[in-house]
Amino acid sequence: MKVTNLEFLEKQLDTSGVSVLLLQRKLERFSTERLQRAMELGWRREHNAQTFFAKNLSDEGAVIKLGQMFITMLYCDRRLGSKELGDTELPTWAYHTAHSSLEYKCPGGIPEGELRDQFHGFLGLLVAELLDENVTSLFFVEECVLVPNCVELVQELRSGESQNPVSLAKKLGLS
C-alpha cells in the first residue's frame, strides 16, 4: 500500500503534543547519565532498561522512554528568532545562543484543558531537574509562553501539580 504525501500530511496534522524549549546560554547536549538522573529525581522511579530509560543519540538529540510513552529531545546550536517565539519580543532575561526541545507527540493529540495541564505538570517534573544556570528560560511552544528560569519556576514545576503555562507566567509576575 502506497501512502501519498497528502495522506502523510493528514497523519502528521492528527498528531499533536506538548513541546517545551529550554533556552540555553550555550548549547548543552544532555548526556544519557544526566537525563537518566533527571528522570529518576523528577519522576521518582528507578532505571529500567525496558520501560524507564533515557538515551543520548549521537549528541543530536535524545529519547526518553516511560512505559509506552516516548519523549524526544533535540539539541539546536542556534538562537530562536522572534517569529519562532510567536512574534514575541525577547526580554533580556531570555538571552540565549542555543536551545533544547522536549516534545511528546500523541496520536489524536493531547486533550485540551485539565488533561493538557496535567501533562505539562508531568513533563515539568523532568524539566525542573534539567534547569541550571545555563538555562535562561522556558518557552511553551503551543501556548507561545516564555517564562524565566528562577527559583519560583523550579518550585512550581517540582510541585507535581497541573501546570497551565499561561497561569504559570502570571504566578511568576509576567503578562
Protein backbone atom coordinates (compact mmCIF):
# COMPACT_ATOMS: atom_id res chain seq x y z
CA MET A 1 0.00 0.00 0.00
CA LYS A 2 1.47 3.30 -1.11
CA VAL A 3 1.00 6.35 1.12
CA THR A 4 0.66 9.65 -0.72
CA ASN A 5 2.15 12.92 0.50
CA LEU A 6 -1.36 14.17 1.32
CA GLU A 7 -2.12 11.11 3.45
CA PHE A 8 1.21 11.54 5.25
CA LEU A 9 0.48 15.22 5.91
CA GLU A 10 -3.00 14.40 7.24
CA LYS A 11 -1.49 11.85 9.63
CA GLN A 12 1.02 14.49 10.79
CA LEU A 13 -1.78 17.00 11.39
CA ASP A 14 -3.64 14.45 13.52
CA THR A 15 -0.61 14.15 15.77
CA SER A 16 -0.07 16.98 18.20
CA GLY A 17 1.50 17.21 21.56
CA VAL A 18 3.30 19.25 24.13
CA SER A 19 6.62 20.99 23.44
CA VAL A 20 8.86 22.84 25.88
CA LEU A 21 12.07 24.57 24.81
CA LEU A 22 14.93 25.11 27.23
CA LEU A 23 16.65 28.32 26.08
CA GLN A 24 20.36 27.99 26.85
CA ARG A 25 23.23 30.46 27.19
CA LYS A 26 25.38 27.89 25.38
CA LEU A 27 24.36 24.55 23.95
CA GLU A 28 24.37 21.68 26.38
CA ARG A 29 23.86 18.24 24.89
CA PHE A 30 22.48 16.33 27.84
CA SER A 31 24.31 13.05 28.41
CA THR A 32 22.44 9.79 28.88
CA GLU A 33 23.55 9.86 32.54
CA ARG A 34 22.29 13.41 33.13
CA LEU A 35 18.92 12.66 31.53
CA GLN A 36 18.60 9.41 33.45
CA ARG A 37 19.33 11.17 36.74
CA ALA A 38 16.79 13.91 35.94
CA MET A 39 14.16 11.26 35.17
CA GLU A 40 14.82 9.41 38.42
CA LEU A 41 14.72 12.59 40.51
CA GLY A 42 11.73 14.15 38.77
CA TRP A 43 9.53 11.11 38.37
CA ARG A 44 10.82 9.28 41.46
CA ARG A 45 11.42 5.95 39.75
CA GLU A 46 14.44 3.78 39.22
CA HIS A 47 16.04 3.00 35.87
CA ASN A 48 14.59 0.04 33.99
CA ALA A 49 16.32 -0.96 30.75
CA GLN A 50 12.98 -1.87 29.14
CA THR A 51 10.45 0.69 30.36
CA PHE A 52 12.19 3.66 32.03
CA PHE A 53 15.34 4.99 30.43
CA ALA A 54 16.99 7.83 28.51
CA LYS A 55 19.46 7.60 25.65
CA ASN A 56 21.55 10.35 24.07
CA LEU A 57 21.56 9.81 20.29
CA SER A 58 24.90 10.90 18.84
CA ASP A 59 24.67 14.31 20.56
CA GLU A 60 21.94 15.44 18.12
CA GLY A 61 19.14 14.60 20.50
CA ALA A 62 17.85 12.04 22.92
CA VAL A 63 14.93 9.75 23.51
CA ILE A 64 13.24 9.25 26.87
CA LYS A 65 11.04 6.20 27.43
CA LEU A 66 8.48 5.92 30.18
CA GLY A 67 6.27 2.84 29.83
CA GLN A 68 4.69 3.05 26.37
CA MET A 69 5.43 6.77 26.01
CA PHE A 70 8.40 8.25 24.14
CA ILE A 71 9.57 11.83 24.67
CA THR A 72 12.06 13.25 22.20
CA MET A 73 14.73 15.83 22.85
CA LEU A 74 16.56 17.74 20.11
CA TYR A 75 19.61 19.98 20.54
CA CYS A 76 19.93 23.10 18.41
CA ASP A 77 23.04 25.27 18.38
CA ARG A 78 21.27 28.48 17.41
CA ARG A 79 19.14 31.19 18.90
CA LEU A 80 15.38 31.30 18.35
CA GLY A 81 14.11 34.20 16.30
CA SER A 82 11.08 36.32 17.14
CA LYS A 83 8.95 34.50 14.53
CA GLU A 84 9.67 31.16 16.26
CA LEU A 85 8.68 32.80 19.53
CA GLY A 86 5.30 33.85 18.14
CA ASP A 87 6.49 37.35 17.23
CA THR A 88 7.28 37.92 20.90
CA GLU A 89 9.99 40.44 21.71
CA LEU A 90 12.70 38.58 23.59
CA PRO A 91 13.25 40.01 27.11
CA THR A 92 16.86 40.42 28.25
CA TRP A 93 16.46 37.61 30.82
CA ALA A 94 15.75 35.18 27.95
CA TYR A 95 19.01 35.85 26.08
CA HIS A 96 20.30 32.59 24.63
CA THR A 97 22.50 31.23 21.86
CA ALA A 98 21.08 27.68 21.73
CA HIS A 99 18.10 25.62 22.81
CA SER A 100 16.95 22.08 23.51
CA SER A 101 13.42 20.91 22.87
CA LEU A 102 11.42 18.34 24.81
CA GLU A 103 8.42 17.06 22.92
CA TYR A 104 5.74 14.47 23.37
CA LYS A 105 3.61 13.73 20.30
CA CYS A 106 0.35 11.94 20.89
CA PRO A 107 -1.66 10.35 18.07
CA GLY A 108 -5.03 12.04 18.14
CA GLY A 109 -3.49 14.96 20.04
CA ILE A 110 -3.15 15.86 23.68
CA PRO A 111 -6.56 16.79 25.10
CA GLU A 112 -7.18 20.42 25.91
CA GLY A 113 -7.93 21.77 29.36
CA GLU A 114 -7.09 19.99 32.58
CA LEU A 115 -5.65 16.85 30.94
CA ARG A 116 -3.24 19.01 28.95
CA ASP A 117 -2.28 20.91 32.11
CA GLN A 118 -1.69 17.59 33.89
CA PHE A 119 0.71 16.56 31.14
CA HIS A 120 2.55 19.90 31.43
CA GLY A 121 2.85 19.21 35.17
CA PHE A 122 4.17 15.73 34.48
CA LEU A 123 6.74 16.98 31.94
CA GLY A 124 7.57 19.83 34.32
CA LEU A 125 8.91 17.33 36.88
CA LEU A 126 11.60 16.34 34.37
CA VAL A 127 12.26 19.89 33.19
CA ALA A 128 12.80 21.10 36.78
CA GLU A 129 15.69 18.64 37.14
CA LEU A 130 17.33 19.86 33.91
CA LEU A 131 17.26 23.54 34.87
CA ASP A 132 20.57 25.08 35.88
CA GLU A 133 22.38 28.41 35.44
CA ASN A 134 22.89 27.66 31.73
CA VAL A 135 19.12 27.66 31.04
CA THR A 136 17.80 31.22 30.88
CA SER A 137 14.15 30.44 30.32
CA LEU A 138 11.49 28.04 29.08
CA PHE A 139 9.29 28.51 26.05
CA PHE A 140 6.00 26.60 25.88
CA VAL A 141 5.60 26.29 22.12
CA GLU A 142 1.90 25.60 21.61
CA GLU A 143 0.86 28.28 24.11
CA CYS A 144 3.55 30.78 22.99
CA VAL A 145 4.50 31.45 26.62
CA LEU A 146 8.01 32.42 27.73
CA VAL A 147 8.98 32.19 31.42
CA PRO A 148 12.31 32.93 33.14
CA ASN A 149 14.35 30.30 34.93
CA CYS A 150 14.05 31.26 38.58
CA VAL A 151 13.64 29.64 41.99
CA GLU A 152 9.86 30.14 41.86
CA LEU A 153 9.65 28.37 38.50
CA VAL A 154 11.57 25.36 39.80
CA GLN A 155 9.32 25.22 42.88
CA GLU A 156 6.18 25.30 40.72
CA LEU A 157 7.48 22.60 38.37
CA ARG A 158 8.59 20.35 41.24
CA SER A 159 5.17 20.63 42.92
CA GLY A 160 3.79 17.88 40.71
CA GLU A 161 0.61 19.88 40.21
CA SER A 162 -1.05 20.53 36.85
CA GLN A 163 0.67 23.39 35.04
CA ASN A 164 -1.08 25.75 32.69
CA PRO A 165 1.70 27.78 31.01
CA VAL A 166 -0.39 30.98 30.89
CA SER A 167 -1.29 30.68 34.59
CA LEU A 168 2.32 29.82 35.39
CA ALA A 169 3.52 33.02 33.72
CA LYS A 170 1.01 35.04 35.76
CA LYS A 171 2.18 33.37 39.01
CA LEU A 172 5.71 34.42 38.11
CA GLY A 173 4.55 38.02 37.67
CA LEU A 174 4.58 38.08 33.85
CA SER A 175 1.90 39.37 31.47
